[in-house]
């Protein structure tokens, strides 16, 4: 006579357990708020206009920090990487040049590239990701490279979103590559697009790693393992046309085999009305990202800060560059933000760290657009600014 109550209890516990497991597998973002409805505002076309730095303007950072100009004279400086002798390798996307920088002097290392962006060093090779290929060069010194080899052809995908990011997992000896979509929300693009794929170091062995990421930019392995595992993180530009605050760009862990929604859904199983009832199975499979960054803020690169020079609150967290918006009435982005981590997981949404390039959310004029972030050997940060063609350094005053 007591079996039925027990069965009810077991059934209830089973439902609760299933719900908990589902949330662990696909949790909400740490700063989750209910998303606005599609078309909550008109879709604005509101690009910024780059101007010279106005008089009496400064970049603002928290108390104790100092921002200084590090180097100028570039066309569109973007990704940065430290070399084996602490030289800085820099991609200038507009100039088609990879620079090597030492003692604040820039020397062209590789020229005549088509939209170079991502860089990686692996064994004796310098890998360069351009819009039409992934190349590798024997990296012989700070001033010379050997004969290049094209290991991955991307010529068929040389349009639309053209940043190409790369990173190695030295444990598995795999090269990871991100390729953004060609379109805003068109279905039917080649599988390599709006996805992160991986390869052997020589470019063979293609396999998709994660899909449905409209324009994955940063690719970074967290130096803070979670549950003993290395975790790959990316940032993504989300789609346009649904209103000022939709869809938020994001930072997320990249789970192997996961689908992040594009083009059918966004931020979990929220169906894009432009693909209504087209792929309900895809919508239901859509994984939530980990951190929402704001609508159309143009997130670019990120770094995990491993230094000890900055105050403790900035240690073991992530700095992200927000390049700035064009698809919203009120301008947003154009700054560096910080996301705190603990035990390898983000704890809250982003907070402002470096601001000032945007003069007002109601005007077009801006005097800089941050892209790349590099932690220097002394614990300072280097920021690339492709609006002003400069590098900026952020230090913390110890005294």
Protein backbone atom coordinates (compact mmCIF):
# COMPACT_ATOMS: atom_id res chain seq x y z
CA UNK A 1 0.00 0.00 0.00
CA UNK A 2 3.05 2.26 0.34
CA UNK A 3 4.44 1.74 -3.17
CA UNK A 4 2.50 4.52 -4.89
CA UNK A 5 3.83 7.36 -2.67
CA UNK A 6 7.34 5.99 -3.10
CA UNK A 7 6.89 5.87 -6.85
CA UNK A 8 5.69 9.46 -6.83
CA UNK A 9 8.74 10.51 -4.81
CA UNK A 10 11.11 8.62 -7.11
CA UNK A 11 9.43 10.16 -10.15
CA UNK A 12 9.72 13.63 -8.64
CA UNK A 13 13.38 13.13 -7.76
CA UNK A 14 14.01 11.82 -11.24
CA UNK A 15 12.48 14.94 -12.78
CA UNK A 16 14.51 17.19 -10.49
CA UNK A 17 17.72 15.30 -11.29
CA UNK A 18 17.04 15.48 -15.01
CA UNK A 19 16.43 19.23 -14.76
CA UNK A 20 19.67 19.76 -12.83
CA UNK A 21 21.67 17.69 -15.30
CA UNK A 22 20.17 19.59 -18.24
CA UNK A 23 21.08 22.92 -16.66
CA UNK A 24 24.64 21.73 -15.98
CA UNK A 25 24.98 20.67 -19.60
CA UNK A 26 23.54 23.88 -21.01
CA UNK A 27 23.41 26.58 -18.31
CA UNK A 28 22.13 30.10 -18.75
CA UNK A 29 24.73 32.87 -19.16
CA UNK A 30 26.12 34.10 -15.83
CA UNK A 31 24.50 37.51 -16.43
CA UNK A 32 21.27 36.15 -17.84
CA UNK A 33 18.34 38.51 -18.28
CA UNK A 34 15.24 37.98 -20.33
CA UNK A 35 15.96 39.00 -23.90
CA UNK A 36 13.89 41.69 -25.61
CA UNK A 37 11.51 40.62 -28.34
CA UNK A 38 12.70 40.70 -31.95
CA UNK A 39 12.21 44.12 -33.53
CA UNK A 40 11.80 45.76 -30.10
CA UNK A 41 13.37 48.77 -31.82
CA UNK A 42 13.96 49.55 -35.45
CA UNK A 43 17.17 48.17 -36.89
CA UNK A 44 19.50 51.16 -37.07
CA UNK A 45 22.27 51.77 -39.58
CA UNK A 46 24.56 53.94 -37.51
CA UNK A 47 28.26 53.49 -38.29
CA UNK A 48 30.85 55.46 -36.39
CA UNK A 49 33.17 58.05 -37.88
CA UNK A 50 36.84 57.98 -36.91
CA UNK A 51 38.29 61.38 -36.05
CA UNK A 52 41.68 62.49 -34.73
CA UNK A 53 41.93 62.50 -30.98
CA UNK A 54 40.20 65.68 -29.77
CA UNK A 55 42.05 67.99 -27.43
CA UNK A 56 41.57 67.37 -23.73
CA UNK A 57 40.29 63.82 -24.19
CA UNK A 58 41.80 60.93 -22.27
CA UNK A 59 41.36 57.22 -21.91
CA UNK A 60 39.84 56.35 -18.55
CA UNK A 61 41.02 53.43 -16.41
CA UNK A 62 40.46 52.50 -12.75
CA UNK A 63 42.45 54.29 -10.07
CA UNK A 64 46.10 53.28 -10.01
CA UNK A 65 46.29 52.42 -13.72
CA UNK A 66 48.09 54.45 -16.38
CA UNK A 67 47.52 54.40 -20.16
CA UNK A 68 50.28 55.53 -22.52
CA UNK A 69 50.80 55.45 -26.26
CA UNK A 70 53.19 52.60 -27.05
CA UNK A 71 53.65 52.80 -30.83
CA UNK A 72 51.90 54.52 -33.75
CA UNK A 73 51.97 54.56 -37.54
CA UNK A 74 50.06 51.39 -38.43
CA UNK A 75 47.16 51.09 -40.87
CA UNK A 76 44.94 48.63 -38.98
CA UNK A 77 46.82 46.83 -36.19
CA UNK A 78 44.91 43.80 -34.95
CA UNK A 79 46.15 40.53 -33.47
CA UNK A 80 49.29 40.41 -31.30
CA UNK A 81 51.44 37.52 -30.13
CA UNK A 82 54.62 37.25 -28.06
CA UNK A 83 57.56 35.53 -29.72
CA UNK A 84 60.22 33.34 -28.10
CA UNK A 85 62.44 36.33 -27.28
CA UNK A 86 59.52 38.46 -26.09
CA UNK A 87 59.29 40.17 -29.44
CA UNK A 88 55.78 41.23 -30.44
CA UNK A 89 54.30 39.81 -33.63
CA UNK A 90 51.50 42.02 -34.98
CA UNK A 91 49.11 41.58 -37.89
CA UNK A 92 48.18 44.76 -39.77
CA UNK A 93 45.09 43.66 -41.65
CA UNK A 94 44.75 46.68 -43.91
CA UNK A 95 48.43 46.92 -44.83
CA UNK A 96 48.76 43.17 -45.41
CA UNK A 97 51.84 43.05 -43.19
CA UNK A 98 53.04 41.02 -40.22
CA UNK A 99 55.31 43.19 -38.09
CA UNK A 100 57.86 42.15 -35.53
CA UNK A 101 58.28 44.73 -32.75
CA UNK A 102 61.24 44.91 -30.41
CA UNK A 103 62.25 47.83 -28.20
CA UNK A 104 59.28 49.81 -29.57
CA UNK A 105 60.54 49.53 -33.14
CA UNK A 106 58.40 47.84 -35.79
CA UNK A 107 59.99 45.90 -38.65
CA UNK A 108 57.93 44.36 -41.49
CA UNK A 109 58.45 40.61 -41.27
CA UNK A 110 56.01 39.41 -43.97
CA UNK A 111 54.39 41.59 -46.66
CA UNK A 112 51.73 41.37 -49.38
CA UNK A 113 49.25 39.25 -47.45
CA UNK A 114 45.49 39.30 -48.02
CA UNK A 115 43.80 40.48 -44.83
CA UNK A 116 46.13 38.83 -42.29
CA UNK A 117 44.68 38.38 -38.83
CA UNK A 118 45.39 35.32 -36.67
CA UNK A 119 48.91 34.28 -35.65
CA UNK A 120 50.27 31.24 -33.84
CA UNK A 121 53.70 29.82 -33.04
CA UNK A 122 54.11 26.06 -32.97
CA UNK A 123 57.48 24.32 -32.84
CA UNK A 124 59.67 25.96 -35.50
CA UNK A 125 56.72 27.46 -37.42
CA UNK A 126 54.95 30.80 -37.51
CA UNK A 127 51.35 30.25 -38.63
CA UNK A 128 49.48 33.13 -40.29
CA UNK A 129 45.74 33.09 -41.00
CA UNK A 130 44.62 35.34 -43.85
CA UNK A 131 41.20 35.67 -45.40
CA UNK A 132 42.15 33.25 -48.19
CA UNK A 133 44.45 30.70 -46.51
CA UNK A 134 46.37 29.50 -43.50
CA UNK A 135 50.10 29.72 -44.14
CA UNK A 136 53.12 28.61 -42.17
CA UNK A 137 56.66 29.92 -42.29
CA UNK A 138 59.85 28.61 -40.70
CA UNK A 139 60.44 31.25 -38.04
CA UNK A 140 64.17 31.66 -38.10
CA UNK A 141 64.70 34.92 -36.29
CA UNK A 142 63.06 38.21 -35.45
CA UNK A 143 63.86 39.58 -38.91
CA UNK A 144 63.52 36.64 -41.28
CA UNK A 145 61.17 33.81 -42.14
CA UNK A 146 61.70 30.87 -44.47
CA UNK A 147 59.74 29.81 -47.54
CA UNK A 148 56.03 29.81 -46.84
CA UNK A 149 53.69 26.85 -47.21
CA UNK A 150 49.94 27.08 -47.71
CA UNK A 151 48.43 24.38 -45.50
CA UNK A 152 44.71 25.31 -45.69
CA UNK A 153 43.05 27.01 -48.66
CA UNK A 154 40.20 29.38 -47.79
CA UNK A 155 39.89 31.08 -51.17
CA UNK A 156 36.32 29.81 -51.66
CA UNK A 157 35.35 31.52 -48.40
CA UNK A 158 37.16 34.82 -48.99
CA UNK A 159 34.16 37.09 -48.44
CA UNK A 160 31.75 38.20 -45.74
CA UNK A 161 33.38 37.98 -42.33
CA UNK A 162 37.07 37.70 -43.17
CA UNK A 163 38.91 37.55 -39.84
CA UNK A 164 40.51 34.13 -39.39
CA UNK A 165 41.73 33.16 -35.92
CA UNK A 166 44.00 30.24 -35.07
CA UNK A 167 45.30 28.58 -31.92
CA UNK A 168 47.11 25.35 -31.10
CA UNK A 169 46.40 22.74 -28.48
CA UNK A 170 49.92 21.52 -27.84
CA UNK A 171 48.65 18.53 -25.84
CA UNK A 172 46.79 17.03 -28.78
CA UNK A 173 48.91 18.77 -31.44
CA UNK A 174 45.84 20.16 -33.15
CA UNK A 175 45.36 23.49 -34.92
CA UNK A 176 42.01 25.24 -34.36
CA UNK A 177 40.63 27.67 -36.95
CA UNK A 178 37.62 29.97 -36.83
CA UNK A 179 35.80 31.11 -39.98
CA UNK A 180 32.82 33.45 -39.75
CA UNK A 181 29.71 33.43 -41.88
CA UNK A 182 29.44 35.08 -45.27
CA UNK A 183 26.00 36.52 -44.53
CA UNK A 184 23.98 37.94 -41.70
CA UNK A 185 21.47 35.09 -41.32
CA UNK A 186 21.31 33.12 -44.58
CA UNK A 187 21.00 29.35 -44.25
CA UNK A 188 22.90 26.86 -46.36
CA UNK A 189 26.47 28.15 -46.04
CA UNK A 190 29.38 25.67 -46.25
CA UNK A 191 29.98 23.77 -42.97
CA UNK A 192 33.36 25.44 -42.38
CA UNK A 193 31.64 28.82 -42.05
CA UNK A 194 30.20 30.10 -38.77
CA UNK A 195 32.22 27.35 -37.14
CA UNK A 196 35.43 26.34 -35.43
CA UNK A 197 37.29 23.48 -37.07
CA UNK A 198 40.51 21.69 -36.25
CA UNK A 199 43.38 20.15 -38.17
CA UNK A 200 46.73 18.47 -37.89
CA UNK A 201 49.66 20.91 -37.85
CA UNK A 202 50.20 20.38 -41.60
CA UNK A 203 46.59 21.27 -42.43
CA UNK A 204 45.32 17.74 -42.95
CA UNK A 205 42.65 15.94 -40.92
CA UNK A 206 39.86 18.54 -41.12
CA UNK A 207 37.04 18.06 -38.63
CA UNK A 208 34.35 20.37 -37.34
CA UNK A 209 34.70 21.14 -33.64
CA UNK A 210 31.74 23.47 -32.94
CA UNK A 211 29.13 25.07 -35.19
CA UNK A 212 26.45 27.75 -35.27
CA UNK A 213 28.81 30.53 -34.14
CA UNK A 214 28.11 33.41 -36.51
CA UNK A 215 31.50 35.11 -36.39
CA UNK A 216 33.91 33.57 -33.86
CA UNK A 217 36.82 35.93 -33.30
CA UNK A 218 39.02 35.20 -30.29
CA UNK A 219 40.33 31.68 -29.73
CA UNK A 220 41.99 31.23 -26.35
CA UNK A 221 42.71 28.27 -24.10
CA UNK A 222 41.96 29.08 -20.49
CA UNK A 223 45.05 28.79 -18.28
CA UNK A 224 42.68 28.04 -15.38
CA UNK A 225 41.45 24.43 -15.85
CA UNK A 226 37.92 23.60 -14.80
CA UNK A 227 37.41 20.13 -13.33
CA UNK A 228 40.92 19.30 -14.49
CA UNK A 229 40.15 20.03 -18.15
CA UNK A 230 41.57 22.56 -20.58
CA UNK A 231 38.80 24.74 -22.00
CA UNK A 232 38.72 26.59 -25.32
CA UNK A 233 36.95 29.96 -25.29
CA UNK A 234 35.75 32.18 -28.10
CA UNK A 235 33.99 35.50 -28.63
CA UNK A 236 31.37 36.02 -31.31
CA UNK A 237 29.64 38.79 -33.20
CA UNK A 238 25.97 37.92 -33.24
CA UNK A 239 23.45 38.74 -35.97
CA UNK A 240 22.04 42.11 -36.97
CA UNK A 241 18.60 43.41 -37.84
CA UNK A 242 16.52 42.51 -34.77
CA UNK A 243 16.84 45.74 -32.78
CA UNK A 244 19.30 47.66 -30.63
CA UNK A 245 19.72 45.04 -27.91
CA UNK A 246 19.23 41.91 -29.95
CA UNK A 247 21.23 39.81 -30.43
CA UNK A 248 23.95 40.23 -27.74
CA UNK A 249 27.52 39.40 -28.66
CA UNK A 250 29.00 36.87 -26.28
CA UNK A 251 31.93 35.08 -24.67
CA UNK A 252 31.63 31.33 -24.36
CA UNK A 253 33.31 28.06 -23.69
CA UNK A 254 33.54 26.04 -26.90
CA UNK A 255 32.15 22.56 -26.36
CA UNK A 256 33.13 19.92 -28.87
CA UNK A 257 30.14 19.03 -31.03
CA UNK A 258 28.00 21.87 -29.67
CA UNK A 259 25.68 23.99 -31.81
CA UNK A 260 25.36 27.68 -30.86
CA UNK A 261 22.31 28.58 -32.92
CA UNK A 262 23.27 30.46 -36.06
CA UNK A 263 21.32 31.08 -38.22
CA UNK A 264 18.17 29.46 -36.82
CA UNK A 265 18.35 30.47 -33.15
CA UNK A 266 20.26 32.72 -30.78
CA UNK A 267 21.33 32.70 -27.11
CA UNK A 268 19.89 29.28 -26.45
CA UNK A 269 16.64 28.10 -28.04
CA UNK A 270 15.32 31.53 -29.10
CA UNK A 271 14.13 31.10 -32.66
CA UNK A 272 15.13 33.74 -35.20
CA UNK A 273 11.84 34.96 -36.74
CA UNK A 274 13.50 35.04 -40.14
CA UNK A 275 13.76 31.23 -39.90
CA UNK A 276 10.45 30.55 -38.15
CA UNK A 277 9.53 26.86 -38.09
CA UNK A 278 12.39 25.98 -40.43
CA UNK A 279 14.62 23.89 -38.16
CA UNK A 280 12.95 23.25 -34.78
CA UNK A 281 15.44 20.48 -34.00
CA UNK A 282 18.32 22.91 -34.43
CA UNK A 283 16.57 25.50 -32.27
CA UNK A 284 16.10 23.02 -29.45
CA UNK A 285 19.77 21.96 -29.64
CA UNK A 286 21.12 25.51 -29.36
CA UNK A 287 23.54 25.93 -26.49
CA UNK A 288 23.50 29.02 -24.29
CA UNK A 289 26.78 31.00 -24.29
CA UNK A 290 28.46 31.76 -20.97
CA UNK A 291 28.58 35.57 -20.84
CA UNK A 292 26.46 38.15 -22.68
CA UNK A 293 28.35 41.28 -23.70
CA UNK A 294 25.64 43.56 -25.13
CA UNK A 295 23.89 44.05 -28.44
CA UNK A 296 26.17 44.72 -31.41
CA UNK A 297 29.16 45.79 -29.29
CA UNK A 298 31.57 44.18 -31.77
CA UNK A 299 33.59 41.98 -29.42
CA UNK A 300 37.01 41.12 -30.80
CA UNK A 301 40.00 39.68 -28.94
CA UNK A 302 40.37 38.52 -25.35
CA UNK A 303 43.12 37.39 -23.01
CA UNK A 304 43.14 35.60 -19.70
CA UNK A 305 45.24 37.65 -17.31
CA UNK A 306 47.86 35.49 -15.58
CA UNK A 307 50.09 38.23 -14.22
CA UNK A 308 50.46 39.54 -10.68
CA UNK A 309 51.13 43.20 -11.47
CA UNK A 310 47.46 44.18 -11.53
CA UNK A 311 45.38 44.19 -8.33
CA UNK A 312 43.99 40.85 -7.21
CA UNK A 313 40.48 41.57 -8.53
CA UNK A 314 41.89 41.58 -12.08
CA UNK A 315 43.92 38.41 -11.70
CA UNK A 316 42.62 35.13 -13.09
CA UNK A 317 39.98 36.83 -15.24
CA UNK A 318 39.47 37.83 -18.87
CA UNK A 319 39.92 41.17 -20.61
CA UNK A 320 37.92 41.67 -23.81
CA UNK A 321 38.07 44.30 -26.56
CA UNK A 322 34.75 45.71 -27.80
CA UNK A 323 35.38 47.20 -31.24
CA UNK A 324 32.09 49.12 -31.31
CA UNK A 325 28.62 49.07 -32.80
CA UNK A 326 26.99 50.15 -36.05
CA UNK A 327 23.60 48.36 -35.84
CA UNK A 328 22.08 50.26 -32.93
CA UNK A 329 20.73 53.76 -32.37
CA UNK A 330 22.67 54.30 -29.14
CA UNK A 331 26.34 53.65 -29.78
CA UNK A 332 27.98 50.96 -27.63
CA UNK A 333 31.33 49.26 -27.24
CA UNK A 334 34.60 51.03 -28.12
CA UNK A 335 36.20 49.93 -24.85
CA UNK A 336 37.97 47.19 -22.90
CA UNK A 337 35.91 45.24 -20.38
CA UNK A 338 36.77 42.69 -17.70
CA UNK A 339 35.02 39.44 -16.76
CA UNK A 340 36.09 37.86 -13.43
CA UNK A 341 36.69 34.11 -13.33
CA UNK A 342 36.90 31.67 -10.43
CA UNK A 343 37.94 28.03 -10.69
CA UNK A 344 37.99 28.42 -14.45
CA UNK A 345 34.42 29.76 -14.78
CA UNK A 346 33.09 33.30 -15.33
CA UNK A 347 31.39 34.77 -12.29
CA UNK A 348 29.56 37.86 -13.56
CA UNK A 349 28.99 39.89 -16.67
CA UNK A 350 31.50 42.44 -18.01
CA UNK A 351 32.53 45.63 -16.25
CA UNK A 352 34.25 48.60 -17.88
CA UNK A 353 38.03 48.71 -17.61
CA UNK A 354 39.28 51.10 -20.30
CA UNK A 355 36.94 53.65 -21.87
CA UNK A 356 37.10 56.99 -23.64
CA UNK A 357 37.41 56.28 -27.37
CA UNK A 358 33.67 56.89 -27.79
CA UNK A 359 32.79 60.53 -27.18
CA UNK A 360 29.05 59.93 -26.71
CA UNK A 361 26.49 57.22 -27.38
CA UNK A 362 24.50 59.81 -29.34
CA UNK A 363 27.21 60.96 -31.77
CA UNK A 364 29.04 59.24 -34.63
CA UNK A 365 32.50 60.47 -33.70
CA UNK A 366 34.99 58.09 -32.08
CA UNK A 367 38.76 58.37 -32.00
CA UNK A 368 39.76 54.75 -31.59
CA UNK A 369 38.56 51.16 -31.85
CA UNK A 370 40.26 48.46 -29.76
CA UNK A 371 40.89 45.03 -31.26
CA UNK A 372 43.78 43.02 -29.82
CA UNK A 373 44.96 42.52 -26.25
CA UNK A 374 48.36 41.17 -25.25
CA UNK A 375 49.79 40.52 -21.79
CA UNK A 376 53.38 41.71 -21.74
CA UNK A 377 56.17 39.96 -19.79
CA UNK A 378 56.06 42.67 -17.11
CA UNK A 379 52.33 42.13 -16.53
CA UNK A 380 51.15 45.22 -18.38
CA UNK A 381 48.63 45.05 -21.22
CA UNK A 382 49.09 46.11 -24.82
CA UNK A 383 45.98 47.15 -26.76
CA UNK A 384 45.83 47.43 -30.55
CA UNK A 385 43.62 50.21 -31.90
CA UNK A 386 42.80 49.93 -35.60
CA UNK A 387 40.86 53.20 -35.57
CA UNK A 388 43.88 55.33 -34.69
CA UNK A 389 46.51 52.90 -36.01
CA UNK A 390 48.20 52.71 -32.61
CA UNK A 391 49.18 50.44 -29.76
CA UNK A 392 48.39 51.50 -26.20
CA UNK A 393 49.98 50.20 -23.00
CA UNK A 394 48.15 49.85 -19.69
CA UNK A 395 50.32 49.72 -16.57
CA UNK A 396 49.56 49.63 -12.88
CA UNK A 397 51.46 52.05 -10.66
CA UNK A 398 53.01 49.97 -7.89
CA UNK A 399 54.00 52.90 -5.75
